[in-house]
């Protein structure tokens, strides 16, 4: 293989090996093999599945008559939630959130956030930290965060909690390391508090000034500790068989691709990774990168009913939900089960989107100093979410389930749960290309139309605009814009005859915002798409009306056969 590399992804559910060949024309997937990942138990070698998948890919490539000699090997890891990080700060919504964002941007799973205003007593924080199965602690806190001049004193209190509660590192008798991304002035006292038994990785203050956030040094420190920890973890000692392979957390690898995509397109983008047991959401909005990880176990049956195409399907919802939480990577075997499965996925994605919206925010700052009796009540300004869907030009679905569910089913997840506004181009990453891009050089442009599968263009009413008129959406493939069909309460599908290049133009009402401000027309180019969907549904419909609306939406998107949908509809009468 010329200009080739192998990517091994050790996931919670499956381990994949992919052989790629790169050229001036782009990436080409030569072979992909998947092996079940064993449970992440003590003493289990999680790299054995990687060895088997690697051998399968090697045999496939050599069977094609090609020489198997990859120039580079990339290993990404999400099995066992690596790296698992506890974060600590002085004020939860300021330095605490900055520490959390730094850890998440490195591909970590954040298990806890310790802060003086987290509602716990000091001994409770110590006990909670001691029980954590973590790889490291990321500690933040700066002088600009002071409350009545006591910010540094509170930073030392946080250090004392960490010193008392720090658990031992897996595979070693030593305590897990601490990434210190806090006040420079506090280092000397923190060294005294930690003593000689705690390894400290010093890095720049993640929040030295209230109005600025510097995540990169802390992120790089987390990655360094992660790489070192992999060598100590007995579950990953088998990585040595792959030589000097690059080893990244899977979330970090995808994050690199998201940042490159946003820079290549000069647009705001969002990527959703459906990983089975978790949902990761990545966004790059107004130059700010954000990653969140949401477990699927939060979903409750009462919230799932709203997504079903028939009330009768709800009779099996409790059993389906229980099975799904136990084995989220097992796909349904019937149309009824698929309808239940998609409803559960939609609720899980909705909750993940809400968490992401609450994390992707403008920086918070102190609004006023409190009096003595209010010491732990911190008033802040800022904190408005960056996630306004009229800003998002491109959405991509990746992850384990992206290669198993149909493109139409994946499109329905995005359309129903994200409350899109304006023109949104939706892509599917069925081959896991995004997580493989980290092995490429940093100056490689990531253009979705050259790497990903176009699913469809979604045209949706703007913010503050529930109902739209018949001459609201236009498509132009030549010189003359043609009006697109708009049906109130429905999704209309229109085939694009000239997918090479097309322009969509929206004419919102005086209050509607579809991307350029209230009442302003908006135009967007799209390349490579064969379908556009005009979504004129009204948000917030009552549950009874939603069953029929959900069925109609599935019909428009082509998720289920018409006879299956008709059978559900007859059952509602």
Protein backbone atom coordinates (compact mmCIF):
# COMPACT_ATOMS: atom_id res chain seq x y z
CA UNK A 1 0.00 0.00 0.00
CA UNK A 2 1.41 3.38 -1.01
CA UNK A 3 0.90 6.40 1.31
CA UNK A 4 -1.14 4.18 3.59
CA UNK A 5 -1.92 3.89 7.26
CA UNK A 6 -3.97 1.71 9.58
CA UNK A 7 -6.41 3.06 12.14
CA UNK A 8 -7.38 0.87 15.11
CA UNK A 9 -10.30 2.11 17.20
CA UNK A 10 -10.83 0.23 20.47
CA UNK A 11 -14.40 1.11 21.37
CA UNK A 12 -16.66 0.02 24.20
CA UNK A 13 -18.74 -2.18 21.90
CA UNK A 14 -16.54 -3.10 18.93
CA UNK A 15 -12.94 -2.69 17.85
CA UNK A 16 -12.44 -1.62 14.25
CA UNK A 17 -9.37 -1.83 12.05
CA UNK A 18 -9.32 0.26 8.88
CA UNK A 19 -6.66 0.42 6.19
CA UNK A 20 -6.54 3.74 4.34
CA UNK A 21 -4.67 4.89 1.28
CA UNK A 22 -4.06 8.60 0.76
CA UNK A 23 -3.34 10.45 -2.47
CA UNK A 24 -3.81 13.84 -4.11
CA UNK A 25 -7.36 12.73 -4.93
CA UNK A 26 -8.17 12.14 -1.25
CA UNK A 27 -8.62 9.19 1.10
CA UNK A 28 -9.59 5.69 0.00
CA UNK A 29 -10.78 3.01 2.42
CA UNK A 30 -9.16 -0.26 1.37
CA UNK A 31 -10.48 -2.56 4.08
CA UNK A 32 -12.45 -2.37 7.32
CA UNK A 33 -12.94 -5.13 9.87
CA UNK A 34 -14.78 -5.17 13.22
CA UNK A 35 -14.25 -7.46 16.23
CA UNK A 36 -16.31 -7.35 19.47
CA UNK A 37 -14.44 -5.61 22.30
CA UNK A 38 -14.28 -7.71 25.48
CA UNK A 39 -15.74 -6.26 28.70
CA UNK A 40 -13.43 -3.72 30.36
CA UNK A 41 -12.76 -5.92 33.40
CA UNK A 42 -9.66 -6.12 35.57
CA UNK A 43 -7.03 -8.31 33.95
CA UNK A 44 -8.73 -8.39 30.52
CA UNK A 45 -6.46 -7.45 27.59
CA UNK A 46 -8.58 -4.97 25.62
CA UNK A 47 -6.00 -4.89 22.82
CA UNK A 48 -6.57 -8.52 21.85
CA UNK A 49 -9.56 -7.44 19.75
CA UNK A 50 -7.31 -4.87 18.04
CA UNK A 51 -4.79 -7.60 17.21
CA UNK A 52 -7.50 -9.76 15.67
CA UNK A 53 -8.99 -6.88 13.66
CA UNK A 54 -5.50 -5.87 12.47
CA UNK A 55 -4.83 -9.44 11.30
CA UNK A 56 -8.15 -9.52 9.42
CA UNK A 57 -7.34 -6.28 7.60
CA UNK A 58 -3.84 -7.51 6.76
CA UNK A 59 -5.25 -10.72 5.28
CA UNK A 60 -7.83 -8.80 3.24
CA UNK A 61 -5.27 -6.37 1.78
CA UNK A 62 -2.83 -9.14 0.91
CA UNK A 63 -5.72 -11.09 -0.61
CA UNK A 64 -6.20 -8.17 -3.00
CA UNK A 65 -2.64 -8.68 -4.20
CA UNK A 66 -1.29 -5.60 -2.43
CA UNK A 67 1.70 -5.38 -0.11
CA UNK A 68 0.67 -4.65 3.48
CA UNK A 69 3.24 -2.25 4.90
CA UNK A 70 1.44 0.74 6.50
CA UNK A 71 3.54 3.87 6.95
CA UNK A 72 1.72 4.83 10.11
CA UNK A 73 -0.57 3.28 12.71
CA UNK A 74 -3.12 5.33 14.64
CA UNK A 75 -4.81 3.86 17.73
CA UNK A 76 -7.86 5.57 19.22
CA UNK A 77 -9.37 4.39 22.48
CA UNK A 78 -12.79 4.87 24.03
CA UNK A 79 -13.10 1.47 25.75
CA UNK A 80 -13.34 1.78 29.54
CA UNK A 81 -14.11 5.48 29.09
CA UNK A 82 -10.43 6.40 28.74
CA UNK A 83 -9.31 8.86 29.85
CA UNK A 84 -11.61 9.31 32.85
CA UNK A 85 -11.01 12.66 34.52
CA UNK A 86 -12.24 14.40 37.65
CA UNK A 87 -12.14 18.19 37.34
CA UNK A 88 -11.75 20.75 40.12
CA UNK A 89 -12.05 24.52 40.32
CA UNK A 90 -12.84 27.31 42.75
CA UNK A 91 -16.18 28.42 41.31
CA UNK A 92 -18.08 25.68 39.48
CA UNK A 93 -19.39 27.94 36.69
CA UNK A 94 -16.05 29.66 36.05
CA UNK A 95 -12.74 27.82 36.61
CA UNK A 96 -14.56 24.53 37.18
CA UNK A 97 -16.24 24.72 33.77
CA UNK A 98 -12.94 25.74 32.14
CA UNK A 99 -11.22 22.68 33.62
CA UNK A 100 -14.10 20.54 32.36
CA UNK A 101 -13.93 21.98 28.85
CA UNK A 102 -10.16 21.41 28.72
CA UNK A 103 -10.60 17.75 29.71
CA UNK A 104 -13.46 17.20 27.26
CA UNK A 105 -11.51 18.78 24.39
CA UNK A 106 -8.79 16.18 25.03
CA UNK A 107 -11.31 13.38 24.53
CA UNK A 108 -11.85 12.65 28.22
CA UNK A 109 -14.95 11.53 30.06
CA UNK A 110 -15.53 13.85 33.02
CA UNK A 111 -16.68 11.86 36.05
CA UNK A 112 -17.05 14.70 38.59
CA UNK A 113 -16.63 18.46 39.00
CA UNK A 114 -15.42 19.59 42.43
CA UNK A 115 -15.82 23.25 43.47
CA UNK A 116 -16.38 25.30 46.61
CA UNK A 117 -19.94 26.02 45.48
CA UNK A 118 -20.92 22.49 44.34
CA UNK A 119 -23.30 22.00 47.28
CA UNK A 120 -21.18 19.39 49.07
CA UNK A 121 -19.33 19.51 52.36
CA UNK A 122 -15.57 19.08 52.25
CA UNK A 123 -15.57 15.52 53.57
CA UNK A 124 -18.20 14.59 50.95
CA UNK A 125 -15.96 15.87 48.16
CA UNK A 126 -13.06 13.84 49.56
CA UNK A 127 -15.11 10.64 49.74
CA UNK A 128 -16.62 11.18 46.28
CA UNK A 129 -13.17 11.70 44.75
CA UNK A 130 -11.72 8.68 46.55
CA UNK A 131 -14.39 6.43 45.00
CA UNK A 132 -13.66 7.56 41.44
CA UNK A 133 -12.08 5.22 38.88
CA UNK A 134 -10.13 7.96 37.10
CA UNK A 135 -6.94 8.52 35.14
CA UNK A 136 -6.17 11.99 36.49
CA UNK A 137 -7.50 15.21 38.04
CA UNK A 138 -7.53 18.53 36.16
CA UNK A 139 -7.31 21.44 38.60
CA UNK A 140 -8.08 25.08 37.74
CA UNK A 141 -8.59 28.34 39.61
CA UNK A 142 -7.23 31.85 39.18
CA UNK A 143 -6.77 35.16 41.00
CA UNK A 144 -9.50 36.89 38.99
CA UNK A 145 -12.01 34.55 40.55
CA UNK A 146 -11.66 35.90 44.07
CA UNK A 147 -14.67 36.27 46.32
CA UNK A 148 -13.96 38.97 48.93
CA UNK A 149 -10.24 38.54 48.22
CA UNK A 150 -10.26 34.87 49.24
CA UNK A 151 -9.88 33.23 45.81
CA UNK A 152 -6.36 31.95 46.48
CA UNK A 153 -7.36 30.63 49.90
CA UNK A 154 -10.24 28.73 48.28
CA UNK A 155 -7.83 27.34 45.67
CA UNK A 156 -5.76 25.86 48.49
CA UNK A 157 -8.90 24.35 50.03
CA UNK A 158 -9.56 22.63 46.70
CA UNK A 159 -5.95 21.37 46.72
CA UNK A 160 -6.45 19.92 50.21
CA UNK A 161 -9.55 18.03 49.03
CA UNK A 162 -7.57 16.58 46.13
CA UNK A 163 -4.64 15.62 48.36
CA UNK A 164 -6.95 13.77 50.76
CA UNK A 165 -9.19 12.11 48.19
CA UNK A 166 -6.89 11.28 45.27
CA UNK A 167 -7.33 7.58 44.32
CA UNK A 168 -4.59 5.21 43.18
CA UNK A 169 -3.63 4.80 39.56
CA UNK A 170 -4.76 1.59 37.88
CA UNK A 171 -1.88 -0.88 37.63
CA UNK A 172 0.29 1.12 40.02
CA UNK A 173 0.51 1.77 43.74
CA UNK A 174 0.89 5.49 43.11
CA UNK A 175 -1.87 8.05 43.18
CA UNK A 176 -3.28 9.35 39.89
CA UNK A 177 -1.51 12.49 38.63
CA UNK A 178 -2.88 16.02 38.84
CA UNK A 179 -2.81 18.39 35.87
CA UNK A 180 -2.38 21.80 37.52
CA UNK A 181 -3.88 24.44 35.19
CA UNK A 182 -4.49 26.99 37.94
CA UNK A 183 -2.94 30.14 39.40
CA UNK A 184 0.81 30.57 38.95
CA UNK A 185 1.04 32.36 42.29
CA UNK A 186 -0.48 29.37 44.09
CA UNK A 187 2.01 26.74 42.91
CA UNK A 188 4.39 26.91 45.87
CA UNK A 189 1.65 26.38 48.45
CA UNK A 190 0.02 23.63 46.36
CA UNK A 191 3.36 21.78 46.25
CA UNK A 192 3.50 21.95 50.04
CA UNK A 193 -0.10 20.63 50.32
CA UNK A 194 0.45 17.78 47.85
CA UNK A 195 3.81 16.69 49.22
CA UNK A 196 6.01 14.16 47.44
CA UNK A 197 3.41 11.44 46.94
CA UNK A 198 1.46 13.19 44.17
CA UNK A 199 2.73 13.60 40.61
CA UNK A 200 1.87 17.08 39.32
CA UNK A 201 1.91 18.05 35.64
CA UNK A 202 2.32 21.82 35.52
CA UNK A 203 0.74 23.75 32.68
CA UNK A 204 -0.52 27.24 31.94
CA UNK A 205 -3.48 28.69 33.81
CA UNK A 206 -6.59 27.75 31.87
CA UNK A 207 -8.35 30.89 33.14
CA UNK A 208 -5.73 33.47 34.17
CA UNK A 209 -8.12 36.27 33.23
CA UNK A 210 -11.86 36.16 33.63
CA UNK A 211 -12.59 37.18 30.05
CA UNK A 212 -10.15 34.71 28.47
CA UNK A 213 -9.92 30.93 28.34
CA UNK A 214 -6.77 29.09 27.26
CA UNK A 215 -7.61 25.41 26.87
CA UNK A 216 -4.79 24.16 24.63
CA UNK A 217 -1.95 23.76 27.20
CA UNK A 218 -4.22 21.92 29.65
CA UNK A 219 -5.62 19.79 26.82
CA UNK A 220 -2.11 18.81 25.71
CA UNK A 221 -1.18 17.97 29.31
CA UNK A 222 -4.22 15.67 29.59
CA UNK A 223 -3.18 13.92 26.37
CA UNK A 224 0.36 13.47 27.69
CA UNK A 225 -0.88 11.95 30.95
CA UNK A 226 -3.26 9.74 28.95
CA UNK A 227 -0.42 8.37 26.80
CA UNK A 228 1.68 7.70 29.89
CA UNK A 229 -1.25 6.05 31.66
CA UNK A 230 -1.84 3.66 28.77
CA UNK A 231 1.63 2.23 29.38
CA UNK A 232 0.76 1.56 33.04
CA UNK A 233 -2.73 0.16 32.49
CA UNK A 234 -2.52 -3.66 32.31
CA UNK A 235 -5.58 -3.72 30.04
CA UNK A 236 -3.60 -1.93 27.28
CA UNK A 237 -0.11 -3.40 27.59
CA UNK A 238 -0.68 -5.16 24.26
CA UNK A 239 -0.42 -1.84 22.41
CA UNK A 240 3.34 -2.43 22.30
CA UNK A 241 2.85 -4.98 19.51
CA UNK A 242 1.91 -2.11 17.15
CA UNK A 243 5.26 -0.34 17.57
CA UNK A 244 5.41 3.45 17.79
CA UNK A 245 1.73 3.92 17.06
CA UNK A 246 0.03 7.22 17.80
CA UNK A 247 -2.47 6.71 20.64
CA UNK A 248 -5.30 9.20 21.14
CA UNK A 249 -8.66 9.16 22.89
CA UNK A 250 -11.31 8.66 20.20
CA UNK A 251 -13.08 11.85 21.24
CA UNK A 252 -9.92 13.89 20.72
CA UNK A 253 -9.37 12.38 17.27
CA UNK A 254 -12.89 13.28 16.14
CA UNK A 255 -12.48 16.73 17.66
CA UNK A 256 -9.42 17.36 15.48
CA UNK A 257 -11.48 16.52 12.40
CA UNK A 258 -14.32 18.81 13.51
CA UNK A 259 -11.95 21.74 13.97
CA UNK A 260 -10.34 21.13 10.58
CA UNK A 261 -13.76 20.83 8.94
CA UNK A 262 -14.93 24.14 10.38
CA UNK A 263 -11.71 25.84 9.25
CA UNK A 264 -11.90 24.31 5.76
CA UNK A 265 -15.53 25.35 5.28
CA UNK A 266 -15.28 28.62 7.23
CA UNK A 267 -18.65 27.63 8.73
CA UNK A 268 -20.13 26.64 12.08
CA UNK A 269 -20.45 22.85 12.28
CA UNK A 270 -21.85 20.20 14.62
CA UNK A 271 -20.94 16.50 14.71
CA UNK A 272 -22.97 13.86 16.56
CA UNK A 273 -21.28 10.58 17.47
CA UNK A 274 -23.76 7.79 18.26
CA UNK A 275 -21.57 5.39 20.23
CA UNK A 276 -24.17 3.04 21.69
CA UNK A 277 -23.74 3.64 25.41
CA UNK A 278 -22.99 7.36 25.04
CA UNK A 279 -23.68 10.23 22.66
CA UNK A 280 -20.87 12.66 21.96
CA UNK A 281 -21.64 16.06 20.45
CA UNK A 282 -18.91 18.24 18.99
CA UNK A 283 -19.41 21.79 17.78
CA UNK A 284 -17.25 24.56 16.40
CA UNK A 285 -19.28 27.76 16.64
CA UNK A 286 -17.86 31.26 16.23
CA UNK A 287 -14.38 29.87 16.63
CA UNK A 288 -15.17 28.04 19.89
CA UNK A 289 -14.79 24.25 20.00
CA UNK A 290 -16.96 22.30 22.45
CA UNK A 291 -17.33 18.57 23.16
CA UNK A 292 -19.79 16.87 25.49
CA UNK A 293 -20.40 13.23 26.42
CA UNK A 294 -23.87 12.15 27.58
CA UNK A 295 -24.69 8.61 28.83
CA UNK A 296 -27.82 7.09 27.34
CA UNK A 297 -29.01 5.67 30.68
CA UNK A 298 -30.81 8.91 31.55
CA UNK A 299 -33.70 8.20 29.15
CA UNK A 300 -37.10 7.61 30.78
CA UNK A 301 -40.07 5.85 29.15
CA UNK A 302 -42.50 8.73 29.80
CA UNK A 303 -40.34 11.02 27.66
CA UNK A 304 -40.02 8.56 24.76
CA UNK A 305 -43.75 8.34 23.93
CA UNK A 306 -43.67 11.67 22.09
CA UNK A 307 -41.45 10.17 19.37
CA UNK A 308 -43.59 7.12 18.51
CA UNK A 309 -45.62 6.89 15.27
CA UNK A 310 -48.40 4.95 17.06
CA UNK A 311 -49.65 4.82 20.65
CA UNK A 312 -49.97 1.02 20.50
CA UNK A 313 -46.19 0.69 20.15
CA UNK A 314 -45.87 2.07 23.66
CA UNK A 315 -47.12 -1.22 25.13
CA UNK A 316 -43.62 -2.73 24.71
CA UNK A 317 -41.68 0.42 25.47
CA UNK A 318 -40.64 -0.46 29.03
CA UNK A 319 -39.18 -3.83 27.99
CA UNK A 320 -37.45 -2.34 24.96
CA UNK A 321 -35.96 0.49 27.02
CA UNK A 322 -34.64 -1.91 29.67
CA UNK A 323 -33.02 -4.11 27.01
CA UNK A 324 -31.57 -1.08 25.25
CA UNK A 325 -29.90 0.24 28.40
CA UNK A 326 -28.36 -3.18 28.96
CA UNK A 327 -27.17 -3.64 25.36
CA UNK A 328 -27.39 -0.29 23.51
CA UNK A 329 -25.41 -1.58 20.54
CA UNK A 330 -27.87 -4.38 19.65
CA UNK A 331 -30.07 -3.37 16.72
CA UNK A 332 -33.80 -4.23 16.53
CA UNK A 333 -34.99 -7.13 14.40
CA UNK A 334 -38.51 -5.92 13.43
CA UNK A 335 -40.16 -2.72 12.19
CA UNK A 336 -41.99 -2.31 15.50
CA UNK A 337 -38.76 -2.63 17.44
CA UNK A 338 -37.04 -0.19 15.08
CA UNK A 339 -39.74 2.41 15.74
CA UNK A 340 -39.21 1.98 19.49
CA UNK A 341 -35.43 2.03 19.05
CA UNK A 342 -35.49 5.28 17.07
CA UNK A 343 -37.83 6.88 19.61
CA UNK A 344 -35.40 6.02 22.41
CA UNK A 345 -32.45 7.31 20.38
CA UNK A 346 -34.28 10.58 19.72
CA UNK A 347 -34.90 11.20 23.40
CA UNK A 348 -31.27 10.34 24.19
CA UNK A 349 -30.09 12.74 21.49
CA UNK A 350 -32.45 15.46 22.72
CA UNK A 351 -30.97 15.22 26.22
CA UNK A 352 -27.44 15.18 24.80
CA UNK A 353 -28.23 18.29 22.73
CA UNK A 354 -29.54 20.08 25.82
CA UNK A 355 -26.40 19.25 27.76
CA UNK A 356 -24.25 20.44 24.87
CA UNK A 357 -26.19 23.69 24.65
CA UNK A 358 -25.52 24.27 28.34
CA UNK A 359 -21.80 23.59 27.95
CA UNK A 360 -21.11 25.49 24.71
CA UNK A 361 -21.49 28.91 26.28
CA UNK A 362 -19.95 32.34 26.34
CA UNK A 363 -17.49 32.74 29.19
CA UNK A 364 -19.02 33.56 32.54
CA UNK A 365 -17.61 36.36 34.70
CA UNK A 366 -18.14 37.79 38.18
CA UNK A 367 -21.05 40.21 38.16
CA UNK A 368 -20.65 41.56 41.69
CA UNK A 369 -18.89 40.70 44.93
CA UNK A 370 -21.06 39.13 47.59
CA UNK A 371 -21.33 40.03 51.22
CA UNK A 372 -19.99 37.70 53.92
CA UNK A 373 -23.27 35.80 54.27
CA UNK A 374 -23.34 35.20 50.51
CA UNK A 375 -19.76 33.99 50.10
CA UNK A 376 -20.73 30.83 48.22
CA UNK A 377 -23.38 32.46 46.03
CA UNK A 378 -21.54 33.68 42.96
CA UNK A 379 -23.35 36.07 40.65
CA UNK A 380 -22.14 35.78 37.06
CA UNK A 381 -22.74 37.45 33.76
CA UNK A 382 -22.27 35.87 30.36
CA UNK A 383 -23.01 32.19 30.06
CA UNK A 384 -25.36 32.51 27.06
CA UNK A 385 -25.29 29.45 24.83
CA UNK A 386 -23.42 29.54 21.55
CA UNK A 387 -25.71 26.86 20.12
CA UNK A 388 -28.27 28.66 17.99
CA UNK A 389 -29.24 26.30 15.20
CA UNK A 390 -29.61 29.08 12.63
CA UNK A 391 -25.82 29.46 12.96
CA UNK A 392 -25.11 25.77 12.23
CA UNK A 393 -24.51 25.24 8.51
CA UNK A 394 -23.35 21.61 8.61
CA UNK A 395 -24.35 18.63 10.78
CA UNK A 396 -22.65 15.24 10.51
CA UNK A 397 -23.62 11.95 12.17
CA UNK A 398 -20.79 9.53 12.96
CA UNK A 399 -20.08 6.79 15.48
CA UNK A 400 -20.87 3.10 15.86
CA UNK A 401 -24.57 3.42 14.94
CA UNK A 402 -23.89 5.63 11.90
CA UNK A 403 -22.64 2.56 10.06
CA UNK A 404 -25.61 0.39 11.07
CA UNK A 405 -28.75 2.53 10.84
CA UNK A 406 -30.04 3.63 7.44
CA UNK A 407 -29.22 7.18 6.23
CA UNK A 408 -32.95 7.99 6.36
CA UNK A 409 -33.20 6.86 9.99
CA UNK A 410 -30.15 8.94 10.93
CA UNK A 411 -31.63 11.94 9.13
CA UNK A 412 -34.84 11.59 11.14
CA UNK A 413 -32.83 11.74 14.38
CA UNK A 414 -31.31 15.07 13.35
CA UNK A 415 -34.50 16.61 11.96
CA UNK A 416 -36.66 15.73 14.96
CA UNK A 417 -34.36 16.48 17.88
CA UNK A 418 -32.12 19.42 16.99
CA UNK A 419 -34.88 21.95 16.14
CA UNK A 420 -33.04 23.17 13.06
CA UNK A 421 -33.43 26.68 11.70
CA UNK A 422 -32.62 27.91 8.20
CA UNK A 423 -30.53 25.82 5.78
CA UNK A 424 -28.76 22.80 7.28
CA UNK A 425 -26.65 20.34 5.29
CA UNK A 426 -26.66 16.88 6.90
CA UNK A 427 -23.93 14.30 6.23
CA UNK A 428 -23.34 10.72 7.41
CA UNK A 429 -19.93 9.29 8.28
CA UNK A 430 -20.68 5.62 7.68
CA UNK A 431 -17.03 4.52 7.46
CA UNK A 432 -15.76 6.36 10.56
CA UNK A 433 -13.63 8.70 8.46
CA UNK A 434 -13.62 11.55 10.97
CA UNK A 435 -11.92 9.58 13.72
CA UNK A 436 -9.25 8.42 11.25
CA UNK A 437 -8.25 11.88 10.04
CA UNK A 438 -5.94 12.50 13.03
CA UNK A 439 -3.26 10.41 11.30
CA UNK A 440 -3.12 12.90 8.43
CA UNK A 441 -0.98 16.02 8.40
CA UNK A 442 -2.43 19.05 10.15
CA UNK A 443 -2.77 21.10 6.98
CA UNK A 444 -5.11 18.63 5.29
CA UNK A 445 -8.40 20.26 4.34
CA UNK A 446 -11.46 18.41 5.61
CA UNK A 447 -14.30 19.03 3.17
CA UNK A 448 -17.38 16.93 3.95
CA UNK A 449 -18.54 16.71 0.35
CA UNK A 450 -15.29 14.89 -0.52
CA UNK A 451 -15.18 12.56 2.50
CA UNK A 452 -18.71 12.01 3.81
CA UNK A 453 -22.06 10.77 2.48
CA UNK A 454 -24.58 13.59 1.86
CA UNK A 455 -27.90 12.68 3.53
CA UNK A 456 -30.03 15.71 2.71
CA UNK A 457 -30.51 19.46 2.98
CA UNK A 458 -33.07 20.55 5.59
CA UNK A 459 -34.95 23.85 5.21
CA UNK A 460 -36.61 24.88 8.47
CA UNK A 461 -38.46 28.01 9.68
CA UNK A 462 -36.30 30.54 11.45
CA UNK A 463 -36.14 31.32 15.13
CA UNK A 464 -39.30 33.16 16.28
CA UNK A 465 -41.12 31.89 13.18
CA UNK A 466 -43.56 28.99 13.60
CA UNK A 467 -45.56 29.25 10.38
CA UNK A 468 -44.24 30.03 6.92
CA UNK A 469 -45.95 30.93 3.65
CA UNK A 470 -45.93 29.18 0.30
CA UNK A 471 -43.23 31.45 -1.16
CA UNK A 472 -40.81 31.05 1.72
CA UNK A 473 -38.24 28.60 0.30
CA UNK A 474 -36.59 28.69 -3.14
CA UNK A 475 -34.09 26.50 -4.99
CA UNK A 476 -31.89 27.73 -7.82
CA UNK A 477 -29.82 25.43 -10.01
CA UNK A 478 -29.67 27.89 -12.91
CA UNK A 479 -30.36 31.61 -12.99
CA UNK A 480 -34.00 31.57 -11.89
CA UNK A 481 -35.08 30.64 -8.34
CA UNK A 482 -37.95 28.12 -8.24
CA UNK A 483 -40.35 28.08 -5.25
CA UNK A 484 -40.31 24.88 -3.20
CA UNK A 485 -43.51 23.27 -1.87
CA UNK A 486 -44.43 24.23 1.70
CA UNK A 487 -47.18 22.33 3.55
CA UNK A 488 -48.05 23.48 7.04
CA UNK A 489 -47.43 20.77 9.63
CA UNK A 490 -45.60 18.47 7.20
CA UNK A 491 -42.22 17.65 5.70
CA UNK A 492 -42.02 17.87 1.91
CA UNK A 493 -39.36 16.01 -0.05
CA UNK A 494 -37.99 17.37 -3.33
CA UNK A 495 -35.39 15.60 -5.46
CA UNK A 496 -32.44 17.71 -6.61
CA UNK A 497 -31.91 17.09 -10.32
CA UNK A 498 -28.52 18.84 -10.50
CA UNK A 499 -26.70 17.86 -7.29
CA UNK A 500 -23.34 19.27 -8.42
CA UNK A 501 -24.26 22.81 -7.40
CA UNK A 502 -27.48 24.30 -6.10
CA UNK A 503 -28.43 27.42 -4.12
CA UNK A 504 -31.22 27.57 -1.54
CA UNK A 505 -32.80 30.88 -0.61
CA UNK A 506 -35.13 31.52 2.33
CA UNK A 507 -37.44 34.53 2.74
CA UNK A 508 -38.35 34.71 6.46
CA UNK A 509 -41.02 36.86 8.09
CA UNK A 510 -40.06 40.14 9.73
CA UNK A 511 -39.27 38.30 13.00
CA UNK A 512 -37.84 35.08 11.58
CA UNK A 513 -34.07 34.52 11.75
CA UNK A 514 -32.68 31.90 9.36
CA UNK A 515 -29.03 32.85 9.68
CA UNK A 516 -28.50 36.51 8.81
CA UNK A 517 -30.68 38.22 11.40
CA UNK A 518 -34.40 38.85 11.84
CA UNK A 519 -36.32 39.42 8.61
CA UNK A 520 -33.27 39.07 6.36
CA UNK A 521 -33.15 36.74 3.36
CA UNK A 522 -30.60 33.96 3.51
CA UNK A 523 -28.88 32.01 0.71
CA UNK A 524 -26.67 28.92 0.99
CA UNK A 525 -24.84 26.70 -1.52
CA UNK A 526 -24.97 22.90 -1.40
CA UNK A 527 -22.92 20.40 -3.38
CA UNK A 528 -23.46 16.68 -3.85
CA UNK A 529 -26.98 16.40 -2.39
CA UNK A 530 -29.82 14.61 -4.16
CA UNK A 531 -32.64 15.54 -1.75
CA UNK A 532 -33.98 18.61 0.05
CA UNK A 533 -36.60 18.44 2.80
CA UNK A 534 -38.82 21.41 3.64
CA UNK A 535 -39.83 21.04 7.29
CA UNK A 536 -42.90 23.18 8.05
CA UNK A 537 -44.01 21.33 11.18
CA UNK A 538 -45.17 23.29 14.22
CA UNK A 539 -43.07 22.77 17.35
CA UNK A 540 -44.64 21.66 20.62
CA UNK A 541 -47.67 19.74 19.31
CA UNK A 542 -49.79 17.75 21.78
CA UNK A 543 -48.93 14.07 22.15
CA UNK A 544 -52.04 12.82 20.33
CA UNK A 545 -51.35 14.95 17.27
CA UNK A 546 -47.69 13.97 17.29
CA UNK A 547 -48.34 10.27 16.53
CA UNK A 548 -49.74 11.08 13.09
CA UNK A 549 -47.15 13.79 12.54
CA UNK A 550 -44.34 11.35 13.37
CA UNK A 551 -45.79 8.80 10.96
CA UNK A 552 -46.04 11.41 8.19
CA UNK A 553 -42.46 12.52 8.84
CA UNK A 554 -41.18 8.95 8.58
CA UNK A 555 -43.05 8.62 5.27
CA UNK A 556 -41.53 11.82 3.87
CA UNK A 557 -38.02 10.81 4.93
CA UNK A 558 -38.41 7.22 3.70
CA UNK A 559 -37.51 5.56 7.00
CA UNK A 560 -40.23 2.87 6.95
CA UNK A 561 -42.14 1.15 4.11
CA UNK A 562 -45.53 2.69 3.41
CA UNK A 563 -47.44 -0.50 4.27
CA UNK A 564 -45.83 -0.56 7.75
CA UNK A 565 -46.77 3.07 8.37
CA UNK A 566 -50.30 2.47 7.08
CA UNK A 567 -50.70 -0.46 9.47
CA UNK A 568 -49.71 1.71 12.43
CA UNK A 569 -52.08 4.45 11.29
CA UNK A 570 -54.98 2.00 11.01
CA UNK A 571 -54.24 0.87 14.54
CA UNK A 572 -54.73 4.44 15.78
CA UNK A 573 -58.28 4.70 14.44
